[in-house]
Amino acid sequence: MTAKNVMNLIEISPFTYSIVVLYGVIMVKFLASYLASHEPLRFFRLFCDQLASKVNKSNNSARQRSISGLIAILVTLTPLLIILWLFESFVAAAWLWQGFLLYLALGNLHLSKTSKEIAKLIVANKNFEAKQLLNPWVLRDTQQLSSLGLSKSCIEMLLLRAMQNLFTISFIFLILGPLAALCARLLIEMHYSWNNKQKHFQPFGHSIAFLVNVVQWLPNRIFSLLLLFSCIGKNFTLYSRLSRTYFFQLNNNYPLSLFALSLEIKLGGVAMYQDSKLRKISFNDHGRQPQATDIIHASKRISQIFYFSFLFLALLALFTYSLNLNG
């Protein structure tokens, strides 16, 4: 076999190449996080907090604070993306640079383990320890949460974090590349820091909330449809009918509604943010209140969707590779 024939055998399409890089980075990040827990974008969050404290002044008008929020996004994101884009041309190994950007963009891969520990603490009536473990992952106040509230908050956190920091990032990486994936993750991190559910950030955080909702709309709908199709043979038509009113909304109501229906529990409702009560939409009012065991069920359901997605992508990669060989 000549060297040219060997090169033809190992040549893969750009999409297949992206899938291989995605799988490789997920494996590396999973192992690295298992050996030592770390958050690569922690300092970026600290920067966002410090920036907001400088420019989000409570004595300014709502319009001024809204404009400040938009300018803060541009000032934060634009220089970073330009520097990363220019630096790419100096890196000899493109796959290594792309893998590094994706590594930064992907969220925590061990939240399932954390959620199981929270469930165990709730079952053991160690609510204080459960609150301490949950608190870094949610925006809402956890001090006054009961065991039911802890279970509900943990389930919602699992779903939203999985969609935002894993599914959305992976989707954007495969479609638009690693720099776009990192850009999306930085937007999500800014949204976490300047979330407009908090009164202090209501005018300031409107722009970033809108951008994040736009970025994650399509990936979230794909994730939600996978969740819906996993219910075939079990109230598929009913769940589809009850949740379809949320489909085109620019928020997370559609996946939350489907998740509540599929687990047969209540989600949403009243939550406390900075000692201020926020009344949100309640999903599946006829369901039961979530228990600690539902956290485990939620984690398994989310894992099933990811396993199916990874298997589908692997088969798609093999298919495109075979087409490339035949071509």
C-alpha atoms as a PDB file:
ATOM      1  CA  MET A   1       0.000   0.000   0.000  1.00  0.00           C
ATOM      2  CA  THR A   2       1.462   3.366  -0.995  1.00  0.00           C
ATOM      3  CA  ALA A   3       1.784   6.350   1.327  1.00  0.00           C
ATOM      4  CA  LYS A   4      -0.928   8.137  -0.661  1.00  0.00           C
ATOM      5  CA  ASN A   5      -3.365   5.274  -0.076  1.00  0.00           C
ATOM      6  CA  VAL A   6      -2.601   5.342   3.663  1.00  0.00           C
ATOM      7  CA  MET A   7      -3.297   9.077   3.784  1.00  0.00           C
ATOM      8  CA  ASN A   8      -6.604   8.536   2.006  1.00  0.00           C
ATOM      9  CA  LEU A   9      -7.577   5.912   4.603  1.00  0.00           C
ATOM     10  CA  ILE A  10      -6.933   8.180   7.588  1.00  0.00           C
ATOM     11  CA  GLU A  11      -8.424  11.299   5.986  1.00  0.00           C
ATOM     12  CA  ILE A  12     -11.685  12.273   7.684  1.00  0.00           C
ATOM     13  CA  SER A  13     -14.248  14.964   7.080  1.00  0.00           C
ATOM     14  CA  PRO A  14     -14.192  18.185   9.146  1.00  0.00           C
ATOM     15  CA  PHE A  15     -17.386  17.162  10.953  1.00  0.00           C
ATOM     16  CA  THR A  16     -15.975  13.748  11.886  1.00  0.00           C
ATOM     17  CA  TYR A  17     -12.769  15.461  13.017  1.00  0.00           C
ATOM     18  CA  SER A  18     -14.819  17.765  15.286  1.00  0.00           C
ATOM     19  CA  ILE A  19     -16.620  14.776  16.811  1.00  0.00           C
ATOM     20  CA  VAL A  20     -13.294  13.043  17.531  1.00  0.00           C
ATOM     21  CA  VAL A  21     -11.940  16.207  19.177  1.00  0.00           C
ATOM     22  CA  LEU A  22     -15.145  16.579  21.222  1.00  0.00           C
ATOM     23  CA  TYR A  23     -14.989  13.005  22.505  1.00  0.00           C
ATOM     24  CA  GLY A  24     -11.279  13.310  23.286  1.00  0.00           C
ATOM     25  CA  VAL A  25     -11.679  16.544  25.241  1.00  0.00           C
ATOM     26  CA  ILE A  26     -14.656  15.184  27.202  1.00  0.00           C
ATOM     27  CA  MET A  27     -12.597  12.145  28.223  1.00  0.00           C
ATOM     28  CA  VAL A  28      -9.610  14.294  29.218  1.00  0.00           C
ATOM     29  CA  LYS A  29     -11.760  16.747  31.183  1.00  0.00           C
ATOM     30  CA  PHE A  30     -13.650  13.951  32.921  1.00  0.00           C
ATOM     31  CA  LEU A  31     -10.410  12.320  34.079  1.00  0.00           C
ATOM     32  CA  ALA A  32      -8.755  15.623  35.014  1.00  0.00           C
ATOM     33  CA  SER A  33     -11.792  16.725  37.044  1.00  0.00           C
ATOM     34  CA  TYR A  34     -11.887  13.336  38.743  1.00  0.00           C
ATOM     35  CA  LEU A  35      -8.260  13.675  39.821  1.00  0.00           C
ATOM     36  CA  ALA A  36      -8.565  17.289  40.968  1.00  0.00           C
ATOM     37  CA  SER A  37     -11.706  19.428  41.038  1.00  0.00           C
ATOM     38  CA  HIS A  38     -11.161  22.733  39.229  1.00  0.00           C
ATOM     39  CA  GLU A  39     -13.064  25.494  37.449  1.00  0.00           C
ATOM     40  CA  PRO A  40     -10.988  26.983  34.584  1.00  0.00           C
ATOM     41  CA  LEU A  41     -13.267  30.022  34.232  1.00  0.00           C
ATOM     42  CA  ARG A  42     -13.413  30.890  37.924  1.00  0.00           C
ATOM     43  CA  PHE A  43     -11.206  33.965  37.434  1.00  0.00           C
ATOM     44  CA  PHE A  44     -13.397  35.138  34.573  1.00  0.00           C
ATOM     45  CA  ARG A  45     -16.387  35.058  36.954  1.00  0.00           C
ATOM     46  CA  LEU A  46     -14.381  37.087  39.483  1.00  0.00           C
ATOM     47  CA  PHE A  47     -13.564  39.612  36.761  1.00  0.00           C
ATOM     48  CA  CYS A  48     -17.271  39.887  35.855  1.00  0.00           C
ATOM     49  CA  ASP A  49     -18.185  40.457  39.503  1.00  0.00           C
ATOM     50  CA  GLN A  50     -15.589  43.197  39.865  1.00  0.00           C
ATOM     51  CA  LEU A  51     -16.618  44.846  36.602  1.00  0.00           C
ATOM     52  CA  ALA A  52     -20.279  44.919  37.646  1.00  0.00           C
ATOM     53  CA  SER A  53     -19.393  46.483  40.983  1.00  0.00           C
ATOM     54  CA  LYS A  54     -17.663  49.318  39.100  1.00  0.00           C
ATOM     55  CA  VAL A  55     -20.216  50.091  36.379  1.00  0.00           C
ATOM     56  CA  ASN A  56     -23.584  48.887  37.723  1.00  0.00           C
ATOM     57  CA  LYS A  57     -24.357  51.850  39.966  1.00  0.00           C
ATOM     58  CA  SER A  58     -27.702  51.775  41.807  1.00  0.00           C
ATOM     59  CA  ASN A  59     -28.035  55.580  41.613  1.00  0.00           C
ATOM     60  CA  ASN A  60     -28.063  55.490  37.797  1.00  0.00           C
ATOM     61  CA  SER A  61     -31.316  55.324  35.857  1.00  0.00           C
ATOM     62  CA  ALA A  62     -32.656  52.024  34.545  1.00  0.00           C
ATOM     63  CA  ARG A  63     -31.761  53.069  30.980  1.00  0.00           C
ATOM     64  CA  GLN A  64     -28.191  53.938  31.972  1.00  0.00           C
ATOM     65  CA  ARG A  65     -27.747  50.621  33.755  1.00  0.00           C
ATOM     66  CA  SER A  66     -29.171  48.735  30.772  1.00  0.00           C
ATOM     67  CA  ILE A  67     -26.718  50.483  28.418  1.00  0.00           C
ATOM     68  CA  SER A  68     -23.897  49.788  30.896  1.00  0.00           C
ATOM     69  CA  GLY A  69     -24.775  46.103  30.783  1.00  0.00           C
ATOM     70  CA  LEU A  70     -24.548  46.018  26.985  1.00  0.00           C
ATOM     71  CA  ILE A  71     -21.253  47.919  26.979  1.00  0.00           C
ATOM     72  CA  ALA A  72     -19.872  45.571  29.660  1.00  0.00           C
ATOM     73  CA  ILE A  73     -20.546  42.593  27.380  1.00  0.00           C
ATOM     74  CA  LEU A  74     -18.727  44.224  24.453  1.00  0.00           C
ATOM     75  CA  VAL A  75     -15.782  45.420  26.551  1.00  0.00           C
ATOM     76  CA  THR A  76     -15.367  42.005  28.167  1.00  0.00           C
ATOM     77  CA  LEU A  77     -15.891  39.726  25.197  1.00  0.00           C
ATOM     78  CA  THR A  78     -14.454  41.577  22.178  1.00  0.00           C
ATOM     79  CA  PRO A  79     -10.776  41.852  23.269  1.00  0.00           C
ATOM     80  CA  LEU A  80     -10.693  38.242  24.470  1.00  0.00           C
ATOM     81  CA  LEU A  81     -12.073  36.863  21.219  1.00  0.00           C
ATOM     82  CA  ILE A  82      -9.732  38.991  19.086  1.00  0.00           C
ATOM     83  CA  ILE A  83      -6.678  37.884  21.082  1.00  0.00           C
ATOM     84  CA  LEU A  84      -7.676  34.199  20.913  1.00  0.00           C
ATOM     85  CA  TRP A  85      -8.419  34.451  17.180  1.00  0.00           C
ATOM     86  CA  LEU A  86      -5.042  36.067  16.455  1.00  0.00           C
ATOM     87  CA  PHE A  87      -3.160  33.649  18.704  1.00  0.00           C
ATOM     88  CA  GLU A  88      -4.550  30.664  16.772  1.00  0.00           C
ATOM     89  CA  SER A  89      -2.324  31.455  13.779  1.00  0.00           C
ATOM     90  CA  PHE A  90       0.795  31.013  15.952  1.00  0.00           C
ATOM     91  CA  VAL A  91      -0.161  27.520  17.153  1.00  0.00           C
ATOM     92  CA  ALA A  92       1.373  24.737  15.050  1.00  0.00           C
ATOM     93  CA  ALA A  93      -0.944  21.973  16.288  1.00  0.00           C
ATOM     94  CA  ALA A  94      -4.447  23.197  15.430  1.00  0.00           C
ATOM     95  CA  TRP A  95      -6.109  20.233  17.133  1.00  0.00           C
ATOM     96  CA  LEU A  96      -4.330  21.029  20.404  1.00  0.00           C
ATOM     97  CA  TRP A  97      -5.484  24.648  20.346  1.00  0.00           C
ATOM     98  CA  GLN A  98      -9.040  23.669  19.452  1.00  0.00           C
ATOM     99  CA  GLY A  99      -9.055  21.076  22.217  1.00  0.00           C
ATOM    100  CA  PHE A 100      -7.810  23.646  24.734  1.00  0.00           C
ATOM    101  CA  LEU A 101     -10.563  26.130  23.834  1.00  0.00           C
ATOM    102  CA  LEU A 102     -13.184  23.398  24.075  1.00  0.00           C
ATOM    103  CA  TYR A 103     -11.761  22.281  27.422  1.00  0.00           C
ATOM    104  CA  LEU A 104     -12.293  25.798  28.748  1.00  0.00           C
ATOM    105  CA  ALA A 105     -15.777  26.009  27.242  1.00  0.00           C
ATOM    106  CA  LEU A 106     -17.185  22.757  28.629  1.00  0.00           C
ATOM    107  CA  GLY A 107     -18.788  22.863  32.052  1.00  0.00           C
ATOM    108  CA  ASN A 108     -18.460  20.568  35.038  1.00  0.00           C
ATOM    109  CA  LEU A 109     -18.773  16.872  34.129  1.00  0.00           C
ATOM    110  CA  HIS A 110     -19.282  15.606  37.674  1.00  0.00           C
ATOM    111  CA  LEU A 111     -22.519  17.335  38.650  1.00  0.00           C
ATOM    112  CA  SER A 112     -24.244  13.955  38.594  1.00  0.00           C
ATOM    113  CA  LYS A 113     -21.949  12.814  41.398  1.00  0.00           C
ATOM    114  CA  THR A 114     -22.583  16.031  43.322  1.00  0.00           C
ATOM    115  CA  SER A 115     -26.340  15.643  42.948  1.00  0.00           C
ATOM    116  CA  LYS A 116     -26.199  12.092  44.297  1.00  0.00           C
ATOM    117  CA  GLU A 117     -24.302  13.323  47.349  1.00  0.00           C
ATOM    118  CA  ILE A 118     -26.979  15.983  47.889  1.00  0.00           C
ATOM    119  CA  ALA A 119     -29.696  13.330  47.626  1.00  0.00           C
ATOM    120  CA  LYS A 120     -27.920  11.171  50.232  1.00  0.00           C
ATOM    121  CA  LEU A 121     -27.662  14.133  52.606  1.00  0.00           C
ATOM    122  CA  ILE A 122     -31.365  14.926  52.214  1.00  0.00           C
ATOM    123  CA  VAL A 123     -32.316  11.320  52.936  1.00  0.00           C
ATOM    124  CA  ALA A 124     -30.101  11.416  56.046  1.00  0.00           C
ATOM    125  CA  ASN A 125     -31.873  14.644  57.174  1.00  0.00           C
ATOM    126  CA  LYS A 126     -28.611  16.579  56.861  1.00  0.00           C
ATOM    127  CA  ASN A 127     -30.231  19.547  55.150  1.00  0.00           C
ATOM    128  CA  PHE A 128     -27.590  22.043  56.266  1.00  0.00           C
ATOM    129  CA  GLU A 129     -24.819  20.053  54.586  1.00  0.00           C
ATOM    130  CA  ALA A 130     -27.015  19.590  51.489  1.00  0.00           C
ATOM    131  CA  LYS A 131     -27.548  23.354  51.279  1.00  0.00           C
ATOM    132  CA  GLN A 132     -23.811  23.981  51.568  1.00  0.00           C
ATOM    133  CA  LEU A 133     -23.134  21.538  48.739  1.00  0.00           C
ATOM    134  CA  LEU A 134     -25.897  22.913  46.498  1.00  0.00           C
ATOM    135  CA  ASN A 135     -25.297  26.614  47.143  1.00  0.00           C
ATOM    136  CA  PRO A 136     -22.353  27.162  44.707  1.00  0.00           C
ATOM    137  CA  TRP A 137     -24.410  25.752  41.828  1.00  0.00           C
ATOM    138  CA  VAL A 138     -27.621  27.764  42.180  1.00  0.00           C
ATOM    139  CA  LEU A 139     -28.477  31.447  42.194  1.00  0.00           C
ATOM    140  CA  ARG A 140     -31.426  31.235  44.575  1.00  0.00           C
ATOM    141  CA  ASP A 141     -31.190  31.510  48.347  1.00  0.00           C
ATOM    142  CA  THR A 142     -30.869  28.071  49.904  1.00  0.00           C
ATOM    143  CA  GLN A 143     -30.972  28.951  53.598  1.00  0.00           C
ATOM    144  CA  GLN A 144     -34.745  28.560  53.990  1.00  0.00           C
ATOM    145  CA  LEU A 145     -35.195  25.573  51.657  1.00  0.00           C
ATOM    146  CA  SER A 146     -36.914  22.455  52.981  1.00  0.00           C
ATOM    147  CA  SER A 147     -35.960  18.968  51.818  1.00  0.00           C
ATOM    148  CA  LEU A 148     -38.587  19.300  49.056  1.00  0.00           C
ATOM    149  CA  GLY A 149     -37.190  22.662  48.018  1.00  0.00           C
ATOM    150  CA  LEU A 150     -33.674  21.281  47.985  1.00  0.00           C
ATOM    151  CA  SER A 151     -34.742  18.391  45.771  1.00  0.00           C
ATOM    152  CA  LYS A 152     -36.550  20.703  43.346  1.00  0.00           C
ATOM    153  CA  SER A 153     -33.647  23.163  43.180  1.00  0.00           C
ATOM    154  CA  CYS A 154     -31.130  20.375  42.614  1.00  0.00           C
ATOM    155  CA  ILE A 155     -33.181  18.834  39.801  1.00  0.00           C
ATOM    156  CA  GLU A 156     -33.625  22.174  38.035  1.00  0.00           C
ATOM    157  CA  MET A 157     -29.921  22.921  38.451  1.00  0.00           C
ATOM    158  CA  LEU A 158     -28.976  19.557  36.946  1.00  0.00           C
ATOM    159  CA  LEU A 159     -31.166  20.096  33.901  1.00  0.00           C
ATOM    160  CA  LEU A 160     -30.182  23.705  33.199  1.00  0.00           C
ATOM    161  CA  ARG A 161     -26.459  23.178  33.764  1.00  0.00           C
ATOM    162  CA  ALA A 162     -26.454  20.079  31.544  1.00  0.00           C
ATOM    163  CA  MET A 163     -28.182  21.958  28.732  1.00  0.00           C
ATOM    164  CA  GLN A 164     -26.217  25.189  29.027  1.00  0.00           C
ATOM    165  CA  ASN A 165     -22.689  24.072  29.833  1.00  0.00           C
ATOM    166  CA  LEU A 166     -22.551  20.709  28.072  1.00  0.00           C
ATOM    167  CA  PHE A 167     -25.189  20.201  25.401  1.00  0.00           C
ATOM    168  CA  THR A 168     -25.248  23.787  24.092  1.00  0.00           C
ATOM    169  CA  ILE A 169     -21.452  24.090  24.132  1.00  0.00           C
ATOM    170  CA  SER A 170     -21.009  20.741  22.332  1.00  0.00           C
ATOM    171  CA  PHE A 171     -23.635  21.693  19.738  1.00  0.00           C
ATOM    172  CA  ILE A 172     -22.026  25.064  18.996  1.00  0.00           C
ATOM    173  CA  PHE A 173     -18.563  23.489  18.826  1.00  0.00           C
ATOM    174  CA  LEU A 174     -19.708  20.965  16.211  1.00  0.00           C
ATOM    175  CA  ILE A 175     -21.528  23.594  14.145  1.00  0.00           C
ATOM    176  CA  LEU A 176     -19.422  26.760  14.518  1.00  0.00           C
ATOM    177  CA  GLY A 177     -16.102  25.682  16.018  1.00  0.00           C
ATOM    178  CA  PRO A 178     -14.178  26.017  19.297  1.00  0.00           C
ATOM    179  CA  LEU A 179     -13.943  29.821  19.428  1.00  0.00           C
ATOM    180  CA  ALA A 180     -17.714  30.156  19.065  1.00  0.00           C
ATOM    181  CA  ALA A 181     -18.186  27.506  21.772  1.00  0.00           C
ATOM    182  CA  LEU A 182     -15.937  29.415  24.158  1.00  0.00           C
ATOM    183  CA  CYS A 183     -17.732  32.648  23.289  1.00  0.00           C
ATOM    184  CA  ALA A 184     -21.056  31.008  24.183  1.00  0.00           C
ATOM    185  CA  ARG A 185     -19.658  29.748  27.502  1.00  0.00           C
ATOM    186  CA  LEU A 186     -18.321  33.202  28.377  1.00  0.00           C
ATOM    187  CA  LEU A 187     -21.754  34.673  27.668  1.00  0.00           C
ATOM    188  CA  ILE A 188     -23.311  32.049  29.955  1.00  0.00           C
ATOM    189  CA  GLU A 189     -20.789  32.858  32.692  1.00  0.00           C
ATOM    190  CA  MET A 190     -21.601  36.562  32.388  1.00  0.00           C
ATOM    191  CA  HIS A 191     -25.272  35.644  32.685  1.00  0.00           C
ATOM    192  CA  TYR A 192     -24.548  33.723  35.896  1.00  0.00           C
ATOM    193  CA  SER A 193     -22.743  36.764  37.315  1.00  0.00           C
ATOM    194  CA  TRP A 194     -25.256  39.387  36.165  1.00  0.00           C
ATOM    195  CA  ASN A 195     -28.465  37.370  36.354  1.00  0.00           C
ATOM    196  CA  ASN A 196     -31.486  39.663  36.155  1.00  0.00           C
ATOM    197  CA  LYS A 197     -33.474  37.504  38.576  1.00  0.00           C
ATOM    198  CA  GLN A 198     -31.622  39.534  41.203  1.00  0.00           C
ATOM    199  CA  LYS A 199     -32.991  43.029  41.723  1.00  0.00           C
ATOM    200  CA  HIS A 200     -29.530  44.551  41.662  1.00  0.00           C
ATOM    201  CA  PHE A 201     -28.987  43.261  38.111  1.00  0.00           C
ATOM    202  CA  GLN A 202     -32.469  43.651  36.622  1.00  0.00           C
ATOM    203  CA  PRO A 203     -31.671  46.535  34.230  1.00  0.00           C
ATOM    204  CA  PHE A 204     -27.966  45.688  33.938  1.00  0.00           C
ATOM    205  CA  GLY A 205     -28.481  41.984  33.132  1.00  0.00           C
ATOM    206  CA  HIS A 206     -31.272  42.279  30.554  1.00  0.00           C
ATOM    207  CA  SER A 207     -28.930  42.286  27.531  1.00  0.00           C
ATOM    208  CA  ILE A 208     -26.891  39.267  28.581  1.00  0.00           C
ATOM    209  CA  ALA A 209     -30.048  37.328  29.514  1.00  0.00           C
ATOM    210  CA  PHE A 210     -31.467  37.977  26.031  1.00  0.00           C
ATOM    211  CA  LEU A 211     -28.234  36.943  24.281  1.00  0.00           C
ATOM    212  CA  VAL A 212     -27.929  33.713  26.279  1.00  0.00           C
ATOM    213  CA  ASN A 213     -31.552  32.811  25.573  1.00  0.00           C
ATOM    214  CA  VAL A 214     -30.934  33.330  21.847  1.00  0.00           C
ATOM    215  CA  VAL A 215     -27.703  31.280  21.890  1.00  0.00           C
ATOM    216  CA  GLN A 216     -29.212  28.315  23.721  1.00  0.00           C
ATOM    217  CA  TRP A 217     -32.676  28.308  22.129  1.00  0.00           C
ATOM    218  CA  LEU A 218     -31.979  25.793  19.340  1.00  0.00           C
ATOM    219  CA  PRO A 219     -29.741  23.404  21.359  1.00  0.00           C
ATOM    220  CA  ASN A 220     -32.255  23.440  24.214  1.00  0.00           C
ATOM    221  CA  ARG A 221     -35.091  22.578  21.835  1.00  0.00           C
ATOM    222  CA  ILE A 222     -33.092  19.680  20.393  1.00  0.00           C
ATOM    223  CA  PHE A 223     -32.328  18.431  23.912  1.00  0.00           C
ATOM    224  CA  SER A 224     -36.005  18.797  24.843  1.00  0.00           C
ATOM    225  CA  LEU A 225     -37.173  16.889  21.779  1.00  0.00           C
ATOM    226  CA  LEU A 226     -34.788  14.054  22.633  1.00  0.00           C
ATOM    227  CA  LEU A 227     -36.329  14.055  26.099  1.00  0.00           C
ATOM    228  CA  LEU A 228     -39.811  13.997  24.584  1.00  0.00           C
ATOM    229  CA  PHE A 229     -39.003  11.134  22.217  1.00  0.00           C
ATOM    230  CA  SER A 230     -37.640   9.137  25.146  1.00  0.00           C
ATOM    231  CA  CYS A 231     -41.230   9.167  26.445  1.00  0.00           C
ATOM    232  CA  ILE A 232     -42.648   7.363  23.399  1.00  0.00           C
ATOM    233  CA  GLY A 233     -45.020   4.708  24.678  1.00  0.00           C
ATOM    234  CA  LYS A 234     -45.544   6.643  27.908  1.00  0.00           C
ATOM    235  CA  ASN A 235     -47.876   9.647  27.494  1.00  0.00           C
ATOM    236  CA  PHE A 236     -45.875  10.966  24.521  1.00  0.00           C
ATOM    237  CA  THR A 237     -48.886  12.680  22.958  1.00  0.00           C
ATOM    238  CA  LEU A 238     -50.067  14.116  26.281  1.00  0.00           C
ATOM    239  CA  TYR A 239     -46.648  15.519  27.174  1.00  0.00           C
ATOM    240  CA  SER A 240     -46.282  17.011  23.698  1.00  0.00           C
ATOM    241  CA  ARG A 241     -49.662  18.721  23.933  1.00  0.00           C
ATOM    242  CA  LEU A 242     -49.161  20.057  27.466  1.00  0.00           C
ATOM    243  CA  SER A 243     -45.715  21.529  26.761  1.00  0.00           C
ATOM    244  CA  ARG A 244     -46.074  22.841  23.196  1.00  0.00           C
ATOM    245  CA  THR A 245     -47.267  26.268  24.364  1.00  0.00           C
ATOM    246  CA  TYR A 246     -43.722  26.937  25.631  1.00  0.00           C
ATOM    247  CA  PHE A 247     -41.869  25.743  22.519  1.00  0.00           C
ATOM    248  CA  PHE A 248     -41.291  29.111  20.824  1.00  0.00           C
ATOM    249  CA  GLN A 249     -40.706  31.086  24.012  1.00  0.00           C
ATOM    250  CA  LEU A 250     -37.238  32.563  24.433  1.00  0.00           C
ATOM    251  CA  ASN A 251     -36.559  30.955  27.814  1.00  0.00           C
ATOM    252  CA  ASN A 252     -36.139  27.579  29.554  1.00  0.00           C
ATOM    253  CA  ASN A 253     -39.842  26.910  30.135  1.00  0.00           C
ATOM    254  CA  TYR A 254     -40.117  24.240  27.434  1.00  0.00           C
ATOM    255  CA  PRO A 255     -37.391  21.873  28.753  1.00  0.00           C
ATOM    256  CA  LEU A 256     -38.466  22.478  32.361  1.00  0.00           C
ATOM    257  CA  SER A 257     -42.077  21.638  31.483  1.00  0.00           C
ATOM    258  CA  LEU A 258     -41.111  18.432  29.671  1.00  0.00           C
ATOM    259  CA  PHE A 259     -38.735  17.401  32.429  1.00  0.00           C
ATOM    260  CA  ALA A 260     -41.417  17.881  35.083  1.00  0.00           C
ATOM    261  CA  LEU A 261     -43.900  15.842  33.028  1.00  0.00           C
ATOM    262  CA  SER A 262     -41.455  13.029  32.285  1.00  0.00           C
ATOM    263  CA  LEU A 263     -40.487  12.699  35.970  1.00  0.00           C
ATOM    264  CA  GLU A 264     -44.120  13.194  37.061  1.00  0.00           C
ATOM    265  CA  ILE A 265     -43.134  15.891  39.553  1.00  0.00           C
ATOM    266  CA  LYS A 266     -43.682  19.614  40.084  1.00  0.00           C
ATOM    267  CA  LEU A 267     -40.978  22.063  39.060  1.00  0.00           C
ATOM    268  CA  GLY A 268     -40.755  25.837  39.017  1.00  0.00           C
ATOM    269  CA  GLY A 269     -42.856  28.047  41.257  1.00  0.00           C
ATOM    270  CA  VAL A 270     -41.745  30.527  43.912  1.00  0.00           C
ATOM    271  CA  ALA A 271     -38.029  31.028  44.600  1.00  0.00           C
ATOM    272  CA  MET A 272     -36.049  33.451  46.763  1.00  0.00           C
ATOM    273  CA  TYR A 273     -33.273  35.579  45.234  1.00  0.00           C
ATOM    274  CA  GLN A 274     -31.353  37.913  47.578  1.00  0.00           C
ATOM    275  CA  ASP A 275     -34.201  37.786  50.122  1.00  0.00           C
ATOM    276  CA  SER A 276     -36.690  38.770  47.406  1.00  0.00           C
ATOM    277  CA  LYS A 277     -39.489  36.403  46.431  1.00  0.00           C
ATOM    278  CA  LEU A 278     -39.845  35.723  42.698  1.00  0.00           C
ATOM    279  CA  ARG A 279     -42.958  33.977  41.439  1.00  0.00           C
ATOM    280  CA  LYS A 280     -42.061  31.872  38.408  1.00  0.00           C
ATOM    281  CA  ILE A 281     -44.233  29.594  36.289  1.00  0.00           C
ATOM    282  CA  SER A 282     -45.077  26.295  37.958  1.00  0.00           C
ATOM    283  CA  PHE A 283     -44.814  23.201  35.782  1.00  0.00           C
ATOM    284  CA  ASN A 284     -46.961  20.054  36.086  1.00  0.00           C
ATOM    285  CA  ASP A 285     -49.168  21.291  38.930  1.00  0.00           C
ATOM    286  CA  HIS A 286     -50.886  17.899  39.068  1.00  0.00           C
ATOM    287  CA  GLY A 287     -47.607  16.106  39.768  1.00  0.00           C
ATOM    288  CA  ARG A 288     -46.226  15.289  43.188  1.00  0.00           C
ATOM    289  CA  GLN A 289     -43.587  17.247  45.064  1.00  0.00           C
ATOM    290  CA  PRO A 290     -40.049  16.099  44.196  1.00  0.00           C
ATOM    291  CA  GLN A 291     -38.236  13.828  46.622  1.00  0.00           C
ATOM    292  CA  ALA A 292     -34.548  13.042  47.061  1.00  0.00           C
ATOM    293  CA  THR A 293     -34.971   9.894  44.974  1.00  0.00           C
ATOM    294  CA  ASP A 294     -36.171  12.048  42.068  1.00  0.00           C
ATOM    295  CA  ILE A 295     -32.727  13.664  41.971  1.00  0.00           C
ATOM    296  CA  ILE A 296     -31.283  10.258  41.082  1.00  0.00           C
ATOM    297  CA  HIS A 297     -34.009   9.690  38.478  1.00  0.00           C
ATOM    298  CA  ALA A 298     -33.346  13.131  36.978  1.00  0.00           C
ATOM    299  CA  SER A 299     -29.620  12.440  36.763  1.00  0.00           C
ATOM    300  CA  LYS A 300     -30.251   9.106  35.028  1.00  0.00           C
ATOM    301  CA  ARG A 301     -32.690  10.676  32.553  1.00  0.00           C
ATOM    302  CA  ILE A 302     -30.189  13.379  31.613  1.00  0.00           C
ATOM    303  CA  SER A 303     -27.414  10.799  31.266  1.00  0.00           C
ATOM    304  CA  GLN A 304     -29.599   8.713  28.950  1.00  0.00           C
ATOM    305  CA  ILE A 305     -30.057  11.677  26.623  1.00  0.00           C
ATOM    306  CA  PHE A 306     -26.317  12.321  26.522  1.00  0.00           C
ATOM    307  CA  TYR A 307     -25.517   8.643  25.924  1.00  0.00           C
ATOM    308  CA  PHE A 308     -27.996   8.571  23.047  1.00  0.00           C
ATOM    309  CA  SER A 309     -26.528  11.788  21.609  1.00  0.00           C
ATOM    310  CA  PHE A 310     -22.965  10.454  21.827  1.00  0.00           C
ATOM    311  CA  LEU A 311     -23.986   7.169  20.201  1.00  0.00           C
ATOM    312  CA  PHE A 312     -25.796   9.018  17.425  1.00  0.00           C
ATOM    313  CA  LEU A 313     -22.767  11.234  16.785  1.00  0.00           C
ATOM    314  CA  ALA A 314     -20.454   8.211  16.754  1.00  0.00           C
ATOM    315  CA  LEU A 315     -22.627   6.461  14.175  1.00  0.00           C
ATOM    316  CA  LEU A 316     -22.842   9.665  12.154  1.00  0.00           C
ATOM    317  CA  ALA A 317     -19.058  10.013  12.244  1.00  0.00           C
ATOM    318  CA  LEU A 318     -18.621   6.420  11.018  1.00  0.00           C
ATOM    319  CA  PHE A 319     -21.159   7.019   8.273  1.00  0.00           C
ATOM    320  CA  THR A 320     -19.456  10.191   7.013  1.00  0.00           C
ATOM    321  CA  TYR A 321     -16.069   8.476   7.248  1.00  0.00           C
ATOM    322  CA  SER A 322     -17.292   5.562   5.103  1.00  0.00           C
ATOM    323  CA  LEU A 323     -18.718   8.005   2.587  1.00  0.00           C
ATOM    324  CA  ASN A 324     -15.387   9.793   2.475  1.00  0.00           C
ATOM    325  CA  LEU A 325     -13.562   6.523   1.829  1.00  0.00           C
ATOM    326  CA  ASN A 326     -15.949   5.515  -0.922  1.00  0.00           C
ATOM    327  CA  GLY A 327     -15.757   8.961  -2.424  1.00  0.00           C
END
